[in-house]
Amino acid sequence: MTKTVPLDVRPKFYAALELALDLWHITRSSTAVDPESLMIYLCVTEATMRPLVLGADSPPEALASIHPAEDYRGSISRLLVADRLGLPRETVRRKIKAMVKTGLLMQDDEGRVRVVSRLEEPGVIAAPAEIHAAVLRYHERLKSLGVSYPEAGG
């Protein structure tokens, strides 16, 4: 008997690959570092933004500020970065050191790292709109391949 997969598996996988490649291209364009450093940078950026974006205490003016108060920003240890990404600790340490030196990241006295805000750079400020457009293309690709979405709540 021949094994089969549901008919929507390949279209979903293909559309997801297109989306992943779009996202990779967009992030590579706004931060010119090697692929491992980019993954580290994205991990640190997510950790830095999490309390600001998801925190109940973040006022709207902090979200709108290019340089919000450090109280609203998060940080992450090099060890947690290595664990999250499955990279060797020494690789993470070395690459973070290089990004601190180039001004992409900052490190505190306890070794925790944060991203340096670059929202004043046109390429960085344009990236979220490009990412949103990529997500919309993903949804359109799924539709064009006949993949439908379940109803909300179902």
Protein backbone atom coordinates (compact mmCIF):
# COMPACT_ATOMS: atom_id res chain seq x y z
CA MET A 1 0.00 0.00 0.00
CA THR A 2 1.30 3.43 -0.96
CA LYS A 3 1.58 5.95 1.85
CA THR A 4 0.05 9.36 1.22
CA VAL A 5 -0.05 12.76 2.86
CA PRO A 6 -2.98 15.18 3.02
CA LEU A 7 -3.29 17.20 -0.19
CA ASP A 8 -2.56 20.49 1.58
CA VAL A 9 0.82 19.42 3.03
CA ARG A 10 3.00 20.19 -0.01
CA PRO A 11 1.28 23.50 -0.86
CA LYS A 12 1.58 24.67 2.76
CA PHE A 13 5.21 23.58 2.89
CA TYR A 14 6.01 25.29 -0.42
CA ALA A 15 4.31 28.53 0.61
CA ALA A 16 6.13 28.39 3.97
CA LEU A 17 9.46 27.99 2.17
CA GLU A 18 8.73 31.04 0.02
CA LEU A 19 7.84 33.00 3.15
CA ALA A 20 10.97 31.85 5.01
CA LEU A 21 13.19 32.84 2.08
CA ASP A 22 11.44 36.22 1.79
CA LEU A 23 11.97 36.84 5.51
CA TRP A 24 15.60 35.77 5.27
CA HIS A 25 16.22 38.14 2.34
CA ILE A 26 14.52 41.07 4.11
CA THR A 27 16.45 40.59 7.35
CA ARG A 28 19.75 40.05 5.52
CA SER A 29 19.20 43.29 3.60
CA SER A 30 18.76 45.34 6.77
CA THR A 31 21.63 43.78 8.75
CA ALA A 32 24.78 42.92 6.80
CA VAL A 33 26.28 40.12 8.90
CA ASP A 34 26.99 36.44 8.33
CA PRO A 35 24.07 33.98 8.68
CA GLU A 36 24.95 32.77 12.20
CA SER A 37 25.39 36.33 13.43
CA LEU A 38 22.05 37.26 11.86
CA MET A 39 20.30 34.47 13.77
CA ILE A 40 21.96 35.66 16.99
CA TYR A 41 20.99 39.25 16.19
CA LEU A 42 17.36 38.26 15.59
CA CYS A 43 17.27 36.26 18.84
CA VAL A 44 18.66 39.21 20.82
CA THR A 45 16.30 41.62 19.05
CA GLU A 46 13.27 39.49 20.01
CA ALA A 47 14.42 39.34 23.64
CA THR A 48 15.05 43.10 23.69
CA MET A 49 11.63 43.92 22.21
CA ARG A 50 9.52 41.40 24.14
CA PRO A 51 8.91 43.45 27.33
CA LEU A 52 8.38 46.65 25.33
CA VAL A 53 5.85 45.16 22.91
CA LEU A 54 4.15 42.60 25.16
CA GLY A 55 4.56 44.26 28.55
CA ALA A 56 1.41 45.60 30.11
CA ASP A 57 3.39 48.53 31.56
CA SER A 58 4.66 49.86 28.21
CA PRO A 59 3.04 53.21 27.44
CA PRO A 60 2.24 54.08 23.80
CA GLU A 61 4.96 56.74 23.77
CA ALA A 62 7.57 54.07 24.58
CA LEU A 63 6.39 52.01 21.60
CA ALA A 64 6.65 55.08 19.37
CA SER A 65 10.08 56.15 20.62
CA ILE A 66 13.17 55.40 18.57
CA HIS A 67 15.09 55.01 21.82
CA PRO A 68 12.64 53.88 24.52
CA ALA A 69 13.76 53.94 28.14
CA GLU A 70 15.91 50.96 29.05
CA ASP A 71 13.32 50.05 31.72
CA TYR A 72 11.00 48.89 28.92
CA ARG A 73 13.61 46.89 27.03
CA GLY A 74 14.67 43.34 27.71
CA SER A 75 17.99 41.54 27.46
CA ILE A 76 19.23 37.98 27.14
CA SER A 77 22.26 36.00 28.28
CA ARG A 78 24.71 34.56 25.79
CA LEU A 79 23.97 31.11 27.24
CA LEU A 80 20.26 31.43 26.52
CA VAL A 81 21.01 32.63 22.98
CA ALA A 82 23.19 29.57 22.43
CA ASP A 83 20.50 27.27 23.85
CA ARG A 84 17.67 28.83 21.83
CA LEU A 85 19.59 28.62 18.56
CA GLY A 86 21.44 25.37 19.17
CA LEU A 87 24.78 27.05 18.52
CA PRO A 88 28.03 26.41 20.36
CA ARG A 89 28.51 28.79 23.29
CA GLU A 90 31.93 29.88 22.04
CA THR A 91 30.48 30.76 18.63
CA VAL A 92 27.76 32.87 20.28
CA ARG A 93 30.29 34.56 22.59
CA ARG A 94 32.63 35.38 19.70
CA LYS A 95 29.90 36.66 17.38
CA ILE A 96 28.22 38.75 20.07
CA LYS A 97 31.61 40.28 20.91
CA ALA A 98 32.03 41.24 17.25
CA MET A 99 28.51 42.73 17.05
CA VAL A 100 29.11 44.72 20.24
CA LYS A 101 32.30 46.04 18.66
CA THR A 102 30.44 47.11 15.48
CA GLY A 103 27.62 48.73 17.48
CA LEU A 104 24.77 46.33 16.63
CA LEU A 105 24.52 44.99 20.18
CA MET A 106 25.35 46.26 23.66
CA GLN A 107 26.41 44.17 26.63
CA ASP A 108 25.89 45.00 30.30
CA ASP A 109 28.20 44.28 33.23
CA GLU A 110 26.50 40.91 33.80
CA GLY A 111 27.13 39.79 30.20
CA ARG A 112 23.49 40.14 29.11
CA VAL A 113 22.98 41.61 25.66
CA ARG A 114 20.49 43.93 24.00
CA VAL A 115 20.06 45.20 20.51
CA VAL A 116 21.05 48.79 19.78
CA SER A 117 18.04 50.61 18.32
CA ARG A 118 18.48 51.26 14.61
CA LEU A 119 14.98 52.53 13.90
CA GLU A 120 16.36 55.77 12.50
CA GLU A 121 17.84 53.82 9.55
CA PRO A 122 15.54 53.78 6.49
CA GLY A 123 16.24 50.11 5.68
CA VAL A 124 15.43 49.02 9.22
CA ILE A 125 12.26 51.09 9.49
CA ALA A 126 11.07 49.70 6.12
CA ALA A 127 11.63 46.05 7.09
CA PRO A 128 8.36 45.53 9.04
CA ALA A 129 6.29 46.70 6.05
CA GLU A 130 8.27 44.39 3.77
CA ILE A 131 7.75 41.51 6.20
CA HIS A 132 4.03 42.23 6.38
CA ALA A 133 3.87 42.21 2.57
CA ALA A 134 5.68 38.84 2.56
CA VAL A 135 3.11 37.41 4.97
CA LEU A 136 0.30 38.66 2.72
CA ARG A 137 2.03 37.02 -0.29
CA TYR A 138 2.16 33.80 1.75
CA HIS A 139 -1.58 33.92 2.34
CA GLU A 140 -2.21 34.68 -1.35
CA ARG A 141 0.05 31.80 -2.38
CA LEU A 142 -1.90 29.42 -0.15
CA LYS A 143 -5.17 30.59 -1.70
CA SER A 144 -3.76 30.18 -5.21
CA LEU A 145 -2.77 26.61 -4.30
CA GLY A 146 -6.26 25.86 -3.04
CA VAL A 147 -5.51 25.85 0.68
CA SER A 148 -8.39 27.21 2.71
CA TYR A 149 -8.41 28.42 6.30
CA PRO A 150 -10.69 27.06 9.00
CA GLU A 151 -13.35 29.42 10.22
CA ALA A 152 -12.46 31.51 13.27
CA GLY A 153 -13.22 29.62 16.46
CA GLY A 154 -13.49 26.32 14.60
